Amino acid sequence: MNILITGIHGFVGSNLVKALSAGNTIYGVDIVDHPSQFIAKTYRWEDLDAGQVPPVEAIIHLAGKAHETKKQSDAEVYFQVNTGLTQQIFDYFLASGAHKFIFFSSVKAAADTVEGEVLTEDVTPKPVGPYGESKIKAEQYIKSHFDFDSSSDKRVYILRPCMIHGPGNKGNLNLLYQVVKMGVPYPLGKFDNLRTFTSIDNVSFIIQGLLAQEVASGIYNLADDDALPTTELIKIISSTLGKKARIWNTPKWMVRLCARMGDVLPIPLNSERLHKMTDNYMASNAKIKQALGIDQLPVKATDGLRKTIQNFEQAETHHTET
């Protein structure tokens, strides 16, 4: 199969091409170009309209503006990238001979906070902030230009992953790893929360399934099978580092006071980060598993997280040696 991946040199793209390289020819669209044995050629966005990109059977749209907790980017940038590029590549898909289109949206397009126990695909979207709003606007564009219930031979998948982690990940999980490695105690032991993550290996497995099978078009959450409390994540990081987990049961009122101070002072904890670290955010993956005809994903949540932490260690060791 010939596959076109936008944002191919990003975190998810770099991992995905390795999983898809066997038996497939992979092309990329990106603003940068890093030669890779897994990629036949990387094109620029303007090459799409110029007709320079060869015919493909599937398009995977990863390119986007990631969520920033520090809010350094203007809101308009999110819509220019997350919505605008989605419109451009989806128009290209509709006019092309490609059979499948896979768009990586986000659970944040559906909800910033989960109402009830578990987030499902039939929730009425209530995004908060330009990141989630730009993603849902991209979803709406796709749905307004393609009938998911039509008899078309094209298939369109809108994927809403929880936080994806794996080799090359530089998000909040990496920050937490650095804090634990420095021996800083985790002061949020009083917060009993559960969250779902998504291992990049499970992402690759699902994408391979969508490409190989004739799964119905639609919206699908991506998440590992099990939800984990943040304290368990701390224990996984600590054990992988060969350290004893240092978890403090600091009173919640004291933690919240420090977070409010962090809203105005340059300290690691602020209200938004505290919310992300302590609220329950569980997404159901039942729909995608049913669509693929499987009972469970190949990588357990704990195993995937442990592999990611080990990769953090390996990357730091390699950086130190070089």
Protein backbone atom coordinates (compact mmCIF):
# COMPACT_ATOMS: atom_id res chain seq x y z
CA MET A 1 0.00 0.00 0.00
CA ASN A 2 1.13 3.56 -0.71
CA ILE A 3 0.52 5.71 2.38
CA LEU A 4 0.77 9.49 2.82
CA ILE A 5 1.37 10.78 6.36
CA THR A 6 1.23 14.47 7.26
CA GLY A 7 3.37 15.64 10.18
CA ILE A 8 5.46 12.56 9.49
CA HIS A 9 8.56 13.78 11.33
CA GLY A 10 6.74 14.45 14.60
CA PHE A 11 6.57 12.17 17.62
CA VAL A 12 3.66 10.01 16.47
CA GLY A 13 4.70 10.03 12.82
CA SER A 14 8.28 8.96 13.55
CA ASN A 15 7.02 5.95 15.47
CA LEU A 16 4.20 5.13 13.08
CA VAL A 17 6.37 4.92 9.97
CA LYS A 18 8.51 2.25 11.60
CA ALA A 19 5.45 0.14 12.31
CA LEU A 20 4.03 0.60 8.81
CA SER A 21 7.23 0.42 6.77
CA ALA A 22 7.15 -3.35 6.16
CA GLY A 23 5.37 -3.98 2.86
CA ASN A 24 4.25 -0.37 2.38
CA THR A 25 5.65 2.67 0.60
CA ILE A 26 5.40 5.70 2.83
CA TYR A 27 5.41 9.33 1.74
CA GLY A 28 5.30 12.34 4.02
CA VAL A 29 4.05 15.90 4.09
CA ASP A 30 5.77 18.16 6.60
CA ILE A 31 7.37 21.57 7.10
CA VAL A 32 10.71 19.86 7.79
CA ASP A 33 12.53 16.99 6.13
CA HIS A 34 14.64 14.44 7.97
CA PRO A 35 15.89 11.67 5.66
CA SER A 36 14.75 8.25 6.87
CA GLN A 37 15.12 4.72 5.58
CA PHE A 38 11.40 4.25 6.23
CA ILE A 39 10.21 7.22 4.14
CA ALA A 40 10.32 7.27 0.33
CA LYS A 41 10.08 11.07 0.17
CA THR A 42 8.82 14.02 2.20
CA TYR A 43 6.85 16.72 0.37
CA ARG A 44 5.93 20.28 1.28
CA TRP A 45 2.32 21.33 1.78
CA GLU A 46 2.36 23.38 -1.42
CA ASP A 47 3.28 20.22 -3.35
CA LEU A 48 -0.23 18.89 -2.74
CA ASP A 49 -1.91 21.57 -4.84
CA ALA A 50 0.91 21.44 -7.38
CA GLY A 51 0.19 17.78 -8.09
CA GLN A 52 3.68 16.68 -7.04
CA VAL A 53 2.57 13.98 -4.59
CA PRO A 54 2.15 10.48 -6.10
CA PRO A 55 -1.15 8.57 -5.83
CA VAL A 56 -1.73 6.80 -2.51
CA GLU A 57 -4.32 4.42 -1.11
CA ALA A 58 -4.44 5.91 2.40
CA ILE A 59 -3.81 9.27 4.07
CA ILE A 60 -2.99 9.63 7.77
CA HIS A 61 -3.29 13.23 8.98
CA LEU A 62 -1.10 13.84 12.04
CA ALA A 63 0.07 17.41 11.45
CA GLY A 64 -1.18 19.81 14.08
CA LYS A 65 -0.45 22.36 16.74
CA ALA A 66 0.02 20.62 20.09
CA HIS A 67 -1.66 21.81 23.26
CA GLU A 68 0.43 24.26 25.31
CA THR A 69 -0.19 24.60 29.02
CA LYS A 70 1.85 27.82 29.15
CA LYS A 71 -0.45 29.46 26.57
CA GLN A 72 2.40 31.07 24.63
CA SER A 73 0.69 30.84 21.22
CA ASP A 74 -2.14 33.00 19.94
CA ALA A 75 -5.46 31.22 19.61
CA GLU A 76 -5.54 31.88 15.88
CA VAL A 77 -2.44 29.72 15.36
CA TYR A 78 -4.37 26.64 16.53
CA PHE A 79 -7.13 27.25 14.00
CA GLN A 80 -4.68 28.00 11.18
CA VAL A 81 -2.88 24.71 11.78
CA ASN A 82 -5.33 22.26 13.33
CA THR A 83 -8.36 23.35 11.35
CA GLY A 84 -6.81 24.87 8.23
CA LEU A 85 -4.43 22.02 7.41
CA THR A 86 -7.17 19.47 8.04
CA GLN A 87 -9.40 21.23 5.55
CA GLN A 88 -6.60 21.29 2.98
CA ILE A 89 -5.63 17.63 3.28
CA PHE A 90 -9.25 16.40 3.46
CA ASP A 91 -10.15 18.30 0.29
CA TYR A 92 -7.12 16.66 -1.31
CA PHE A 93 -8.31 13.23 -0.13
CA LEU A 94 -11.84 13.70 -1.51
CA ALA A 95 -10.47 14.66 -4.92
CA SER A 96 -7.92 11.85 -4.94
CA GLY A 97 -8.13 8.12 -5.51
CA ALA A 98 -7.20 7.41 -1.90
CA HIS A 99 -9.54 4.96 -0.19
CA LYS A 100 -8.93 5.69 3.50
CA PHE A 101 -8.46 8.88 5.51
CA ILE A 102 -7.38 8.78 9.17
CA PHE A 103 -7.48 12.04 11.13
CA PHE A 104 -5.86 12.34 14.55
CA SER A 105 -8.09 14.65 16.55
CA SER A 106 -8.05 14.53 20.38
CA VAL A 107 -10.24 13.64 23.33
CA LYS A 108 -9.92 17.35 24.14
CA ALA A 109 -12.13 18.01 21.12
CA ALA A 110 -14.88 16.20 22.98
CA ALA A 111 -14.36 17.28 26.58
CA ASP A 112 -11.84 19.10 28.72
CA THR A 113 -13.39 17.44 31.76
CA VAL A 114 -15.21 14.10 31.68
CA GLU A 115 -18.79 14.28 32.88
CA GLY A 116 -19.70 10.94 34.40
CA GLU A 117 -17.30 8.04 34.73
CA VAL A 118 -16.07 7.41 31.19
CA LEU A 119 -15.87 9.45 27.99
CA THR A 120 -17.54 7.82 24.98
CA GLU A 121 -17.79 8.84 21.34
CA ASP A 122 -21.46 9.82 21.54
CA VAL A 123 -20.83 12.67 23.99
CA THR A 124 -21.91 16.15 22.91
CA PRO A 125 -18.56 17.92 22.34
CA LYS A 126 -17.73 20.69 24.81
CA PRO A 127 -14.10 21.65 24.12
CA VAL A 128 -12.45 24.32 26.24
CA GLY A 129 -9.74 26.54 24.80
CA PRO A 130 -8.33 26.99 21.28
CA TYR A 131 -6.68 23.56 21.08
CA GLY A 132 -9.85 21.55 21.60
CA GLU A 133 -11.98 24.09 19.74
CA SER A 134 -9.73 24.00 16.68
CA LYS A 135 -9.81 20.20 16.70
CA ILE A 136 -13.60 19.98 16.89
CA LYS A 137 -13.90 22.54 14.12
CA ALA A 138 -11.69 20.29 11.98
CA GLU A 139 -13.93 17.34 12.82
CA GLN A 140 -17.01 19.35 11.86
CA TYR A 141 -15.47 20.22 8.51
CA ILE A 142 -14.86 16.56 7.75
CA LYS A 143 -18.39 15.55 8.76
CA SER A 144 -19.93 18.38 6.71
CA HIS A 145 -18.09 17.19 3.58
CA PHE A 146 -18.48 13.42 3.99
CA ASP A 147 -21.51 11.30 4.84
CA PHE A 148 -20.31 8.63 7.27
CA ASP A 149 -23.38 6.53 6.46
CA SER A 150 -23.00 6.73 2.68
CA SER A 151 -22.26 3.79 0.39
CA SER A 152 -19.04 5.46 -0.77
CA ASP A 153 -16.03 3.21 -1.24
CA LYS A 154 -14.03 5.72 0.80
CA ARG A 155 -13.56 5.28 4.54
CA VAL A 156 -13.01 8.17 6.95
CA TYR A 157 -11.87 7.76 10.56
CA ILE A 158 -11.73 10.52 13.15
CA LEU A 159 -9.57 9.31 16.04
CA ARG A 160 -9.64 10.92 19.48
CA PRO A 161 -6.61 9.67 21.41
CA CYS A 162 -5.89 10.20 25.07
CA MET A 163 -2.32 11.31 25.77
CA ILE A 164 -0.06 9.28 23.48
CA HIS A 165 3.31 8.29 24.89
CA GLY A 166 6.35 6.44 23.59
CA PRO A 167 9.86 7.02 22.21
CA GLY A 168 10.45 10.71 21.50
CA ASN A 169 7.55 11.95 23.63
CA LYS A 170 8.34 15.34 25.19
CA GLY A 171 5.10 16.23 26.93
CA ASN A 172 3.93 16.24 30.54
CA LEU A 173 4.97 12.62 31.06
CA ASN A 174 8.57 13.55 30.35
CA LEU A 175 8.28 16.44 32.81
CA LEU A 176 6.97 14.09 35.50
CA TYR A 177 9.81 11.68 34.76
CA GLN A 178 12.37 14.45 35.26
CA VAL A 179 10.80 15.46 38.58
CA VAL A 180 10.82 11.89 39.91
CA LYS A 181 14.38 11.34 38.70
CA MET A 182 15.58 14.38 40.61
CA GLY A 183 14.17 12.83 43.76
CA VAL A 184 11.49 15.47 44.20
CA PRO A 185 8.62 13.99 46.25
CA TYR A 186 5.22 13.78 44.57
CA PRO A 187 3.01 15.89 46.87
CA LEU A 188 -0.38 14.94 45.41
CA GLY A 189 -0.89 11.58 47.10
CA LYS A 190 -4.19 12.79 48.57
CA PHE A 191 -5.69 13.14 45.07
CA ASP A 192 -7.22 9.78 44.12
CA ASN A 193 -7.68 10.14 40.36
CA LEU A 194 -7.78 7.78 37.38
CA ARG A 195 -6.59 8.51 33.84
CA THR A 196 -6.27 6.64 30.58
CA PHE A 197 -3.18 6.94 28.42
CA THR A 198 -2.39 5.59 24.96
CA SER A 199 0.76 3.63 24.20
CA ILE A 200 2.24 4.40 20.78
CA ASP A 201 2.45 0.63 20.20
CA ASN A 202 -1.31 0.36 20.65
CA VAL A 203 -1.77 3.32 18.30
CA SER A 204 0.30 1.55 15.64
CA PHE A 205 -1.69 -1.66 16.14
CA ILE A 206 -4.99 0.17 15.67
CA ILE A 207 -3.79 2.03 12.57
CA GLN A 208 -2.61 -1.22 11.02
CA GLY A 209 -6.04 -2.69 11.71
CA LEU A 210 -7.87 0.25 10.13
CA LEU A 211 -5.69 0.00 7.03
CA ALA A 212 -6.06 -3.77 6.68
CA GLN A 213 -9.78 -4.15 7.49
CA GLU A 214 -12.93 -2.56 6.11
CA VAL A 215 -13.95 -0.87 9.33
CA ALA A 216 -16.98 1.43 9.17
CA SER A 217 -16.30 5.16 8.95
CA GLY A 218 -16.78 7.05 12.19
CA ILE A 219 -15.36 8.62 15.33
CA TYR A 220 -13.27 6.41 17.61
CA ASN A 221 -11.54 7.02 20.95
CA LEU A 222 -7.98 5.73 21.34
CA ALA A 223 -6.92 4.63 24.80
CA ASP A 224 -5.20 1.77 26.60
CA ASP A 225 -7.46 -0.83 28.19
CA ASP A 226 -6.79 0.19 31.80
CA ALA A 227 -6.96 3.48 33.65
CA LEU A 228 -4.26 4.26 36.20
CA PRO A 229 -4.03 6.65 39.17
CA THR A 230 -1.21 9.17 38.99
CA THR A 231 0.30 7.67 42.13
CA GLU A 232 0.65 4.36 40.25
CA LEU A 233 2.38 6.22 37.43
CA ILE A 234 4.83 7.66 39.97
CA LYS A 235 5.52 4.15 41.23
CA ILE A 236 6.14 2.89 37.68
CA ILE A 237 8.60 5.70 37.00
CA SER A 238 10.35 5.16 40.32
CA SER A 239 10.67 1.39 39.94
CA THR A 240 11.97 1.77 36.37
CA LEU A 241 14.60 4.17 37.70
CA GLY A 242 15.43 1.80 40.54
CA LYS A 243 14.20 4.31 43.11
CA LYS A 244 11.74 4.15 45.96
CA ALA A 245 8.57 6.08 45.20
CA ARG A 246 8.38 9.29 47.23
CA ILE A 247 4.69 10.17 47.54
CA TRP A 248 3.55 12.75 50.07
CA ASN A 249 -0.04 13.02 51.25
CA THR A 250 -0.01 16.82 51.38
CA PRO A 251 -3.39 18.31 52.38
CA LYS A 252 -5.41 19.26 49.31
CA TRP A 253 -5.99 22.84 50.47
CA MET A 254 -2.26 23.41 50.71
CA VAL A 255 -1.64 22.02 47.21
CA ARG A 256 -4.37 24.20 45.73
CA LEU A 257 -2.91 27.27 47.43
CA CYS A 258 0.50 26.55 45.87
CA ALA A 259 -1.14 26.07 42.48
CA ARG A 260 -2.81 29.46 42.69
CA MET A 261 0.57 30.97 43.50
CA GLY A 262 1.92 29.23 40.40
CA ASP A 263 -0.62 31.09 38.29
CA VAL A 264 1.34 34.29 38.87
CA LEU A 265 4.81 33.06 39.85
CA PRO A 266 7.27 30.95 37.77
CA ILE A 267 6.98 27.73 39.78
CA PRO A 268 6.33 24.25 38.29
CA LEU A 269 2.77 23.90 39.62
CA ASN A 270 -0.16 26.05 38.49
CA SER A 271 -3.93 25.58 38.53
CA GLU A 272 -4.20 24.19 35.01
CA ARG A 273 -1.37 21.71 35.53
CA LEU A 274 -2.85 20.64 38.88
CA HIS A 275 -6.19 20.05 37.18
CA LYS A 276 -4.57 17.90 34.49
CA MET A 277 -2.63 15.89 37.06
CA THR A 278 -5.44 15.25 39.52
CA ASP A 279 -8.79 15.07 37.72
CA ASN A 280 -10.33 11.83 36.49
CA TYR A 281 -10.12 11.48 32.73
CA MET A 282 -11.08 8.04 31.46
CA ALA A 283 -12.00 7.37 27.84
CA SER A 284 -13.65 4.18 26.61
CA ASN A 285 -11.93 2.24 23.82
CA ALA A 286 -14.77 -0.29 23.50
CA LYS A 287 -15.96 1.03 20.13
CA ILE A 288 -12.61 0.73 18.32
CA LYS A 289 -12.00 -2.75 19.79
CA GLN A 290 -15.41 -3.92 18.65
CA ALA A 291 -14.79 -2.47 15.19
CA LEU A 292 -11.49 -4.33 14.91
CA GLY A 293 -12.93 -7.53 16.37
CA ILE A 294 -10.60 -7.74 19.37
CA ASP A 295 -11.12 -8.15 23.10
CA GLN A 296 -8.02 -6.29 24.25
CA LEU A 297 -5.11 -4.26 22.90
CA PRO A 298 -1.70 -5.92 22.66
CA VAL A 299 0.12 -3.65 25.14
CA LYS A 300 -1.02 -3.27 28.75
CA ALA A 301 -1.10 0.25 30.15
CA THR A 302 1.58 -0.44 32.75
CA ASP A 303 3.87 -2.18 30.26
CA GLY A 304 3.55 0.65 27.75
CA LEU A 305 4.34 3.29 30.34
CA ARG A 306 7.31 1.32 31.63
CA LYS A 307 8.66 1.05 28.06
CA THR A 308 8.30 4.81 27.58
CA ILE A 309 10.16 5.55 30.82
CA GLN A 310 12.94 3.17 29.81
CA ASN A 311 13.22 5.05 26.53
CA PHE A 312 13.56 8.34 28.42
CA GLU A 313 16.49 6.80 30.28
CA GLN A 314 18.10 5.46 27.13
CA ALA A 315 17.74 8.79 25.36
CA GLU A 316 19.41 10.64 28.25
CA THR A 317 22.24 8.10 28.41
CA HIS A 318 22.84 8.43 24.67
CA HIS A 319 22.79 12.23 24.93
CA THR A 320 25.31 12.15 27.78
CA GLU A 321 27.64 9.77 25.91
CA THR A 322 27.59 11.91 22.77
